[in-house]
């Protein structure tokens, strides 16, 4: 019985999909006075499309008075380094 339980546990551990990381780069604005920013944020795997990321990022940004203008793209961790300098203070802030 113990052997069966161990086999099952090992099988489940091996069969579990690896957690993928998903990120989105976006543009947002604030009014009065007009301020714009470009940023990079992590989004859930279920929202790893520009449309899905918009639904997740909009409320996050709105909490700080920002309006999401658009999501430019979604990508994996391999795209973070090339966007870090452009995002500046808004790199993984939201």
PDB file of N, CA and C in Angstrom:
ATOM      1  N   UNK A   1       0.823  -1.194   0.000  1.00  0.00           N
ATOM      2  CA  UNK A   1       0.000   0.000   0.000  1.00  0.00           C
ATOM      3  C   UNK A   1       0.866   1.256   0.000  1.00  0.00           C
ATOM      4  N   UNK A   2       1.943   1.236   0.787  1.00  0.00           N
ATOM      5  CA  UNK A   2       2.845   2.380   0.848  1.00  0.00           C
ATOM      6  C   UNK A   2       3.509   2.616  -0.507  1.00  0.00           C
ATOM      7  N   UNK A   3       3.835   1.536  -1.181  1.00  0.00           N
ATOM      8  CA  UNK A   3       4.461   1.636  -2.503  1.00  0.00           C
ATOM      9  C   UNK A   3       3.498   2.297  -3.494  1.00  0.00           C
ATOM     10  N   UNK A   4       2.257   1.931  -3.426  1.00  0.00           N
ATOM     11  CA  UNK A   4       1.246   2.501  -4.307  1.00  0.00           C
ATOM     12  C   UNK A   4       1.087   4.002  -4.049  1.00  0.00           C
ATOM     13  N   UNK A   5       1.050   4.392  -2.789  1.00  0.00           N
ATOM     14  CA  UNK A   5       0.920   5.802  -2.440  1.00  0.00           C
ATOM     15  C   UNK A   5       2.126   6.602  -2.925  1.00  0.00           C
ATOM     16  N   UNK A   6       3.313   6.057  -2.754  1.00  0.00           N
ATOM     17  CA  UNK A   6       4.530   6.748  -3.216  1.00  0.00           C
ATOM     18  C   UNK A   6       4.543   6.864  -4.736  1.00  0.00           C
ATOM     19  N   UNK A   7       4.140   5.813  -5.422  1.00  0.00           N
ATOM     20  CA  UNK A   7       4.092   5.842  -6.888  1.00  0.00           C
ATOM     21  C   UNK A   7       3.106   6.897  -7.381  1.00  0.00           C
ATOM     22  N   UNK A   8       1.967   6.955  -6.731  1.00  0.00           N
ATOM     23  CA  UNK A   8       0.959   7.943  -7.100  1.00  0.00           C
ATOM     24  C   UNK A   8       1.466   9.365  -6.866  1.00  0.00           C
ATOM     25  N   UNK A   9       2.108   9.596  -5.739  1.00  0.00           N
ATOM     26  CA  UNK A   9       2.640  10.927  -5.428  1.00  0.00           C
ATOM     27  C   UNK A   9       3.702  11.340  -6.437  1.00  0.00           C
ATOM     28  N   UNK A  10       4.588  10.434  -6.781  1.00  0.00           N
ATOM     29  CA  UNK A  10       5.643  10.739  -7.757  1.00  0.00           C
ATOM     30  C   UNK A  10       5.022  10.995  -9.130  1.00  0.00           C
ATOM     31  N   UNK A  11       4.040  10.197  -9.495  1.00  0.00           N
ATOM     32  CA  UNK A  11       3.372  10.385 -10.779  1.00  0.00           C
ATOM     33  C   UNK A  11       2.687  11.735 -10.887  1.00  0.00           C
ATOM     34  N   UNK A  12       2.031  12.151  -9.826  1.00  0.00           N
ATOM     35  CA  UNK A  12       1.371  13.457  -9.837  1.00  0.00           C
ATOM     36  C   UNK A  12       2.378  14.596  -9.911  1.00  0.00           C
ATOM     37  N   UNK A  13       3.490  14.459  -9.220  1.00  0.00           N
ATOM     38  CA  UNK A  13       4.510  15.504  -9.240  1.00  0.00           C
ATOM     39  C   UNK A  13       5.105  15.653 -10.625  1.00  0.00           C
ATOM     40  N   UNK A  14       5.339  14.545 -11.297  1.00  0.00           N
ATOM     41  CA  UNK A  14       5.928  14.585 -12.642  1.00  0.00           C
ATOM     42  C   UNK A  14       4.912  15.078 -13.662  1.00  0.00           C
ATOM     43  N   UNK A  15       3.654  14.729 -13.497  1.00  0.00           N
ATOM     44  CA  UNK A  15       2.622  15.082 -14.462  1.00  0.00           C
ATOM     45  C   UNK A  15       2.139  16.519 -14.329  1.00  0.00           C
ATOM     46  N   UNK A  16       2.381  17.177 -13.207  1.00  0.00           N
ATOM     47  CA  UNK A  16       1.918  18.546 -13.017  1.00  0.00           C
ATOM     48  C   UNK A  16       2.611  19.474 -13.997  1.00  0.00           C
ATOM     49  N   UNK A  17       1.866  20.312 -14.694  1.00  0.00           N
ATOM     50  CA  UNK A  17       2.504  21.231 -15.630  1.00  0.00           C
ATOM     51  C   UNK A  17       3.309  22.292 -14.884  1.00  0.00           C
ATOM     52  N   UNK A  18       4.410  22.671 -15.467  1.00  0.00           N
ATOM     53  CA  UNK A  18       5.231  23.726 -14.874  1.00  0.00           C
ATOM     54  C   UNK A  18       4.479  25.044 -14.977  1.00  0.00           C
ATOM     55  N   UNK A  19       4.576  25.852 -13.968  1.00  0.00           N
ATOM     56  CA  UNK A  19       3.912  27.151 -13.978  1.00  0.00           C
ATOM     57  C   UNK A  19       4.644  28.075 -14.950  1.00  0.00           C
ATOM     58  N   UNK A  20       3.944  28.487 -15.964  1.00  0.00           N
ATOM     59  CA  UNK A  20       4.530  29.401 -16.937  1.00  0.00           C
ATOM     60  C   UNK A  20       4.401  30.820 -16.407  1.00  0.00           C
ATOM     61  N   UNK A  21       5.307  31.656 -16.818  1.00  0.00           N
ATOM     62  CA  UNK A  21       5.249  33.054 -16.414  1.00  0.00           C
ATOM     63  C   UNK A  21       4.792  33.868 -17.614  1.00  0.00           C
ATOM     64  N   UNK A  22       3.889  34.787 -17.384  1.00  0.00           N
ATOM     65  CA  UNK A  22       3.379  35.624 -18.454  1.00  0.00           C
ATOM     66  C   UNK A  22       3.464  37.092 -18.032  1.00  0.00           C
ATOM     67  N   UNK A  23       3.887  37.923 -18.947  1.00  0.00           N
ATOM     68  CA  UNK A  23       4.045  39.350 -18.718  1.00  0.00           C
ATOM     69  C   UNK A  23       3.395  40.109 -19.860  1.00  0.00           C
ATOM     70  N   UNK A  24       3.010  41.347 -19.585  1.00  0.00           N
ATOM     71  CA  UNK A  24       2.419  42.211 -20.606  1.00  0.00           C
ATOM     72  C   UNK A  24       3.097  43.569 -20.551  1.00  0.00           C
ATOM     73  N   UNK A  25       3.327  44.150 -21.709  1.00  0.00           N
ATOM     74  CA  UNK A  25       3.762  45.542 -21.719  1.00  0.00           C
ATOM     75  C   UNK A  25       2.589  46.383 -22.195  1.00  0.00           C
ATOM     76  N   UNK A  26       2.459  47.562 -21.603  1.00  0.00           N
ATOM     77  CA  UNK A  26       1.248  48.361 -21.780  1.00  0.00           C
ATOM     78  C   UNK A  26       1.587  49.848 -21.743  1.00  0.00           C
ATOM     79  N   UNK A  27       0.595  50.651 -22.136  1.00  0.00           N
ATOM     80  CA  UNK A  27       0.664  52.109 -22.017  1.00  0.00           C
ATOM     81  C   UNK A  27      -0.531  52.557 -21.182  1.00  0.00           C
ATOM     82  N   UNK A  28      -0.299  53.543 -20.312  1.00  0.00           N
ATOM     83  CA  UNK A  28      -1.358  54.060 -19.445  1.00  0.00           C
ATOM     84  C   UNK A  28      -1.239  55.578 -19.333  1.00  0.00           C
ATOM     85  N   UNK A  29      -2.324  56.219 -18.871  1.00  0.00           N
ATOM     86  CA  UNK A  29      -2.318  57.680 -18.727  1.00  0.00           C
ATOM     87  C   UNK A  29      -3.045  58.101 -17.466  1.00  0.00           C
ATOM     88  N   UNK A  30      -2.739  59.316 -17.035  1.00  0.00           N
ATOM     89  CA  UNK A  30      -3.491  60.025 -16.005  1.00  0.00           C
ATOM     90  C   UNK A  30      -3.846  61.382 -16.589  1.00  0.00           C
ATOM     91  N   UNK A  31      -4.987  61.914 -16.199  1.00  0.00           N
ATOM     92  CA  UNK A  31      -5.410  63.233 -16.674  1.00  0.00           C
ATOM     93  C   UNK A  31      -5.233  64.277 -15.586  1.00  0.00           C
ATOM     94  N   UNK A  32      -5.112  65.509 -16.026  1.00  0.00           N
ATOM     95  CA  UNK A  32      -5.123  66.698 -15.162  1.00  0.00           C
ATOM     96  C   UNK A  32      -4.063  66.690 -14.066  1.00  0.00           C
ATOM     97  N   UNK A  33      -2.824  66.874 -14.376  1.00  0.00           N
ATOM     98  CA  UNK A  33      -2.231  67.084 -15.695  1.00  0.00           C
ATOM     99  C   UNK A  33      -2.002  65.750 -16.407  1.00  0.00           C
ATOM    100  N   UNK A  34      -1.936  65.826 -17.717  1.00  0.00           N
ATOM    101  CA  UNK A  34      -1.730  64.630 -18.518  1.00  0.00           C
ATOM    102  C   UNK A  34      -0.364  64.025 -18.230  1.00  0.00           C
ATOM    103  N   UNK A  35      -0.357  62.753 -17.874  1.00  0.00           N
ATOM    104  CA  UNK A  35       0.873  61.984 -17.659  1.00  0.00           C
ATOM    105  C   UNK A  35       0.708  60.659 -18.375  1.00  0.00           C
ATOM    106  N   UNK A  36       1.752  60.191 -19.007  1.00  0.00           N
ATOM    107  CA  UNK A  36       1.749  58.916 -19.720  1.00  0.00           C
ATOM    108  C   UNK A  36       2.856  58.038 -19.177  1.00  0.00           C
ATOM    109  N   UNK A  37       2.643  56.738 -19.219  1.00  0.00           N
ATOM    110  CA  UNK A  37       3.752  55.840 -18.900  1.00  0.00           C
ATOM    111  C   UNK A  37       3.632  54.534 -19.667  1.00  0.00           C
ATOM    112  N   UNK A  38       4.803  53.938 -19.870  1.00  0.00           N
ATOM    113  CA  UNK A  38       4.939  52.602 -20.457  1.00  0.00           C
ATOM    114  C   UNK A  38       5.362  51.699 -19.318  1.00  0.00           C
ATOM    115  N   UNK A  39       4.762  50.525 -19.210  1.00  0.00           N
ATOM    116  CA  UNK A  39       5.119  49.632 -18.130  1.00  0.00           C
ATOM    117  C   UNK A  39       5.075  48.176 -18.528  1.00  0.00           C
ATOM    118  N   UNK A  40       5.616  47.359 -17.650  1.00  0.00           N
ATOM    119  CA  UNK A  40       5.606  45.905 -17.801  1.00  0.00           C
ATOM    120  C   UNK A  40       5.040  45.337 -16.510  1.00  0.00           C
ATOM    121  N   UNK A  41       4.085  44.412 -16.629  1.00  0.00           N
ATOM    122  CA  UNK A  41       3.455  43.804 -15.465  1.00  0.00           C
ATOM    123  C   UNK A  41       3.310  42.305 -15.674  1.00  0.00           C
ATOM    124  N   UNK A  42       3.356  41.565 -14.578  1.00  0.00           N
ATOM    125  CA  UNK A  42       3.085  40.136 -14.665  1.00  0.00           C
ATOM    126  C   UNK A  42       1.575  39.937 -14.637  1.00  0.00           C
ATOM    127  N   UNK A  43       1.095  39.047 -15.494  1.00  0.00           N
ATOM    128  CA  UNK A  43      -0.325  38.701 -15.523  1.00  0.00           C
ATOM    129  C   UNK A  43      -0.467  37.197 -15.337  1.00  0.00           C
ATOM    130  N   UNK A  44      -1.647  36.766 -14.943  1.00  0.00           N
ATOM    131  CA  UNK A  44      -1.867  35.346 -14.726  1.00  0.00           C
ATOM    132  C   UNK A  44      -1.832  34.593 -16.053  1.00  0.00           C
ATOM    133  N   UNK A  45      -1.489  33.314 -15.970  1.00  0.00           N
ATOM    134  CA  UNK A  45      -1.392  32.499 -17.180  1.00  0.00           C
ATOM    135  C   UNK A  45      -2.712  32.453 -17.942  1.00  0.00           C
ATOM    136  N   UNK A  46      -3.827  32.508 -17.230  1.00  0.00           N
ATOM    137  CA  UNK A  46      -5.130  32.490 -17.876  1.00  0.00           C
ATOM    138  C   UNK A  46      -5.426  33.755 -18.664  1.00  0.00           C
ATOM    139  N   UNK A  47      -4.673  34.808 -18.424  1.00  0.00           N
ATOM    140  CA  UNK A  47      -4.858  36.086 -19.128  1.00  0.00           C
ATOM    141  C   UNK A  47      -3.659  36.415 -20.003  1.00  0.00           C
ATOM    142  N   UNK A  48      -3.001  35.398 -20.506  1.00  0.00           N
ATOM    143  CA  UNK A  48      -1.774  35.607 -21.280  1.00  0.00           C
ATOM    144  C   UNK A  48      -2.082  35.861 -22.756  1.00  0.00           C
ATOM    145  N   UNK A  49      -2.909  36.835 -22.992  1.00  0.00           N
ATOM    146  CA  UNK A  49      -3.192  37.350 -24.328  1.00  0.00           C
ATOM    147  C   UNK A  49      -3.425  38.843 -24.130  1.00  0.00           C
ATOM    148  N   UNK A  50      -3.227  39.639 -25.159  1.00  0.00           N
ATOM    149  CA  UNK A  50      -3.449  41.077 -24.964  1.00  0.00           C
ATOM    150  C   UNK A  50      -4.847  41.401 -24.424  1.00  0.00           C
ATOM    151  N   UNK A  51      -5.876  40.743 -24.925  1.00  0.00           N
ATOM    152  CA  UNK A  51      -7.229  41.003 -24.447  1.00  0.00           C
ATOM    153  C   UNK A  51      -7.423  40.578 -23.002  1.00  0.00           C
ATOM    154  N   UNK A  52      -6.898  39.419 -22.646  1.00  0.00           N
ATOM    155  CA  UNK A  52      -7.002  38.945 -21.275  1.00  0.00           C
ATOM    156  C   UNK A  52      -6.224  39.819 -20.318  1.00  0.00           C
ATOM    157  N   UNK A  53      -5.047  40.258 -20.743  1.00  0.00           N
ATOM    158  CA  UNK A  53      -4.212  41.112 -19.898  1.00  0.00           C
ATOM    159  C   UNK A  53      -4.883  42.460 -19.650  1.00  0.00           C
ATOM    160  N   UNK A  54      -5.612  42.978 -20.636  1.00  0.00           N
ATOM    161  CA  UNK A  54      -6.322  44.251 -20.445  1.00  0.00           C
ATOM    162  C   UNK A  54      -7.313  44.139 -19.297  1.00  0.00           C
ATOM    163  N   UNK A  55      -8.046  43.045 -19.246  1.00  0.00           N
ATOM    164  CA  UNK A  55      -9.025  42.854 -18.197  1.00  0.00           C
ATOM    165  C   UNK A  55      -8.398  42.756 -16.811  1.00  0.00           C
ATOM    166  N   UNK A  56      -7.195  42.236 -16.740  1.00  0.00           N
ATOM    167  CA  UNK A  56      -6.516  42.105 -15.455  1.00  0.00           C
ATOM    168  C   UNK A  56      -5.793  43.388 -15.052  1.00  0.00           C
ATOM    169  N   UNK A  57      -5.169  44.062 -16.018  1.00  0.00           N
ATOM    170  CA  UNK A  57      -4.378  45.252 -15.703  1.00  0.00           C
ATOM    171  C   UNK A  57      -5.217  46.508 -15.480  1.00  0.00           C
ATOM    172  N   UNK A  58      -6.329  46.632 -16.179  1.00  0.00           N
ATOM    173  CA  UNK A  58      -7.165  47.823 -16.050  1.00  0.00           C
ATOM    174  C   UNK A  58      -7.497  48.161 -14.600  1.00  0.00           C
ATOM    175  N   UNK A  59      -8.056  47.223 -13.844  1.00  0.00           N
ATOM    176  CA  UNK A  59      -8.390  47.516 -12.442  1.00  0.00           C
ATOM    177  C   UNK A  59      -7.160  47.787 -11.566  1.00  0.00           C
ATOM    178  N   UNK A  60      -6.065  47.105 -11.825  1.00  0.00           N
ATOM    179  CA  UNK A  60      -4.836  47.346 -11.041  1.00  0.00           C
ATOM    180  C   UNK A  60      -4.371  48.781 -11.200  1.00  0.00           C
ATOM    181  N   UNK A  61      -4.338  49.234 -12.440  1.00  0.00           N
ATOM    182  CA  UNK A  61      -3.879  50.592 -12.720  1.00  0.00           C
ATOM    183  C   UNK A  61      -4.872  51.627 -12.197  1.00  0.00           C
ATOM    184  N   UNK A  62      -6.153  51.339 -12.344  1.00  0.00           N
ATOM    185  CA  UNK A  62      -7.191  52.275 -11.896  1.00  0.00           C
ATOM    186  C   UNK A  62      -7.091  52.533 -10.392  1.00  0.00           C
ATOM    187  N   UNK A  63      -6.622  51.564  -9.646  1.00  0.00           N
ATOM    188  CA  UNK A  63      -6.469  51.736  -8.209  1.00  0.00           C
ATOM    189  C   UNK A  63      -5.520  52.860  -7.845  1.00  0.00           C
ATOM    190  N   UNK A  64      -4.598  53.189  -8.743  1.00  0.00           N
ATOM    191  CA  UNK A  64      -3.663  54.299  -8.525  1.00  0.00           C
ATOM    192  C   UNK A  64      -3.973  55.496  -9.419  1.00  0.00           C
ATOM    193  N   UNK A  65      -5.170  55.527 -10.004  1.00  0.00           N
ATOM    194  CA  UNK A  65      -5.568  56.673 -10.809  1.00  0.00           C
ATOM    195  C   UNK A  65      -5.102  56.649 -12.248  1.00  0.00           C
ATOM    196  N   UNK A  66      -4.630  55.511 -12.739  1.00  0.00           N
ATOM    197  CA  UNK A  66      -4.191  55.382 -14.123  1.00  0.00           C
ATOM    198  C   UNK A  66      -5.287  54.750 -14.960  1.00  0.00           C
ATOM    199  N   UNK A  67      -5.343  55.144 -16.227  1.00  0.00           N
ATOM    200  CA  UNK A  67      -6.251  54.530 -17.190  1.00  0.00           C
ATOM    201  C   UNK A  67      -5.414  53.750 -18.182  1.00  0.00           C
ATOM    202  N   UNK A  68      -5.727  52.473 -18.331  1.00  0.00           N
ATOM    203  CA  UNK A  68      -5.015  51.643 -19.306  1.00  0.00           C
ATOM    204  C   UNK A  68      -5.393  52.084 -20.707  1.00  0.00           C
ATOM    205  N   UNK A  69      -4.401  52.411 -21.518  1.00  0.00           N
ATOM    206  CA  UNK A  69      -4.664  52.788 -22.903  1.00  0.00           C
ATOM    207  C   UNK A  69      -4.687  51.549 -23.789  1.00  0.00           C
ATOM    208  N   UNK A  70      -3.651  50.729 -23.701  1.00  0.00           N
ATOM    209  CA  UNK A  70      -3.628  49.480 -24.452  1.00  0.00           C
ATOM    210  C   UNK A  70      -2.515  48.559 -23.961  1.00  0.00           C
ATOM    211  N   UNK A  71      -2.710  47.280 -24.227  1.00  0.00           N
ATOM    212  CA  UNK A  71      -1.677  46.281 -23.989  1.00  0.00           C
ATOM    213  C   UNK A  71      -0.988  46.058 -25.324  1.00  0.00           C
ATOM    214  N   UNK A  72       0.309  46.259 -25.342  1.00  0.00           N
ATOM    215  CA  UNK A  72       1.052  46.130 -26.585  1.00  0.00           C
ATOM    216  C   UNK A  72       1.292  44.677 -26.953  1.00  0.00           C
ATOM    217  N   UNK A  73       1.683  43.865 -25.964  1.00  0.00           N
ATOM    218  CA  UNK A  73       1.952  42.454 -26.221  1.00  0.00           C
ATOM    219  C   UNK A  73       2.019  41.689 -24.913  1.00  0.00           C
ATOM    220  N   UNK A  74       1.966  40.372 -25.027  1.00  0.00           N
ATOM    221  CA  UNK A  74       2.215  39.489 -23.892  1.00  0.00           C
ATOM    222  C   UNK A  74       3.387  38.599 -24.274  1.00  0.00           C
ATOM    223  N   UNK A  75       4.159  38.191 -23.278  1.00  0.00           N
ATOM    224  CA  UNK A  75       5.391  37.454 -23.548  1.00  0.00           C
ATOM    225  C   UNK A  75       5.827  36.700 -22.300  1.00  0.00           C
ATOM    226  N   UNK A  76       6.814  35.852 -22.456  1.00  0.00           N
ATOM    227  CA  UNK A  76       7.360  35.087 -21.341  1.00  0.00           C
ATOM    228  C   UNK A  76       8.545  35.795 -20.721  1.00  0.00           C
ATOM    229  N   UNK A  77       9.204  35.140 -19.769  1.00  0.00           N
ATOM    230  CA  UNK A  77      10.320  35.770 -19.057  1.00  0.00           C
ATOM    231  C   UNK A  77      11.498  36.141 -19.959  1.00  0.00           C
ATOM    232  N   UNK A  78      11.578  35.525 -21.115  1.00  0.00           N
ATOM    233  CA  UNK A  78      12.677  35.843 -22.031  1.00  0.00           C
ATOM    234  C   UNK A  78      12.594  37.271 -22.569  1.00  0.00           C
ATOM    235  N   UNK A  79      11.448  37.922 -22.479  1.00  0.00           N
ATOM    236  CA  UNK A  79      11.304  39.286 -22.984  1.00  0.00           C
ATOM    237  C   UNK A  79      11.486  40.373 -21.939  1.00  0.00           C
ATOM    238  N   UNK A  80      11.754  40.002 -20.700  1.00  0.00           N
ATOM    239  CA  UNK A  80      11.851  41.001 -19.632  1.00  0.00           C
ATOM    240  C   UNK A  80      13.062  41.915 -19.768  1.00  0.00           C
ATOM    241  N   UNK A  81      14.234  41.351 -19.991  1.00  0.00           N
ATOM    242  CA  UNK A  81      15.461  42.160 -20.012  1.00  0.00           C
ATOM    243  C   UNK A  81      15.421  43.273 -21.041  1.00  0.00           C
ATOM    244  N   UNK A  82      14.885  42.991 -22.215  1.00  0.00           N
ATOM    245  CA  UNK A  82      14.874  44.000 -23.272  1.00  0.00           C
ATOM    246  C   UNK A  82      13.893  45.143 -23.003  1.00  0.00           C
ATOM    247  N   UNK A  83      12.953  44.944 -22.083  1.00  0.00           N
ATOM    248  CA  UNK A  83      11.953  45.965 -21.789  1.00  0.00           C
ATOM    249  C   UNK A  83      12.211  46.704 -20.471  1.00  0.00           C
ATOM    250  N   UNK A  84      13.126  46.223 -19.683  1.00  0.00           N
ATOM    251  CA  UNK A  84      13.344  46.769 -18.338  1.00  0.00           C
ATOM    252  C   UNK A  84      13.727  48.253 -18.357  1.00  0.00           C
ATOM    253  N   UNK A  85      14.666  48.635 -19.175  1.00  0.00           N
ATOM    254  CA  UNK A  85      15.116  50.030 -19.216  1.00  0.00           C
ATOM    255  C   UNK A  85      14.000  50.965 -19.691  1.00  0.00           C
ATOM    256  N   UNK A  86      13.218  50.527 -20.672  1.00  0.00           N
ATOM    257  CA  UNK A  86      12.137  51.372 -21.196  1.00  0.00           C
ATOM    258  C   UNK A  86      11.030  51.573 -20.172  1.00  0.00           C
ATOM    259  N   UNK A  87      10.753  50.557 -19.362  1.00  0.00           N
ATOM    260  CA  UNK A  87       9.677  50.656 -18.378  1.00  0.00           C
ATOM    261  C   UNK A  87      10.095  51.448 -17.143  1.00  0.00           C
ATOM    262  N   UNK A  88      11.378  51.491 -16.842  1.00  0.00           N
ATOM    263  CA  UNK A  88      11.868  52.275 -15.706  1.00  0.00           C
ATOM    264  C   UNK A  88      11.147  51.954 -14.407  1.00  0.00           C
ATOM    265  N   UNK A  89      10.569  52.976 -13.776  1.00  0.00           N
ATOM    266  CA  UNK A  89       9.890  52.808 -12.487  1.00  0.00           C
ATOM    267  C   UNK A  89       8.629  51.964 -12.602  1.00  0.00           C
ATOM    268  N   UNK A  90       8.135  51.743 -13.808  1.00  0.00           N
ATOM    269  CA  UNK A  90       6.914  50.970 -14.006  1.00  0.00           C
ATOM    270  C   UNK A  90       7.211  49.537 -14.453  1.00  0.00           C
ATOM    271  N   UNK A  91       8.430  49.085 -14.242  1.00  0.00           N
ATOM    272  CA  UNK A  91       8.804  47.700 -14.529  1.00  0.00           C
ATOM    273  C   UNK A  91       8.342  46.830 -13.365  1.00  0.00           C
ATOM    274  N   UNK A  92       7.365  45.979 -13.633  1.00  0.00           N
ATOM    275  CA  UNK A  92       6.779  45.061 -12.647  1.00  0.00           C
ATOM    276  C   UNK A  92       6.182  45.777 -11.424  1.00  0.00           C
ATOM    277  N   UNK A  93       5.800  47.035 -11.592  1.00  0.00           N
ATOM    278  CA  UNK A  93       5.172  47.789 -10.497  1.00  0.00           C
ATOM    279  C   UNK A  93       3.724  47.358 -10.303  1.00  0.00           C
ATOM    280  N   UNK A  94       3.033  47.113 -11.381  1.00  0.00           N
ATOM    281  CA  UNK A  94       1.635  46.711 -11.287  1.00  0.00           C
ATOM    282  C   UNK A  94       1.535  45.282 -11.706  1.00  0.00           C
TER     283      UNK A  94
END
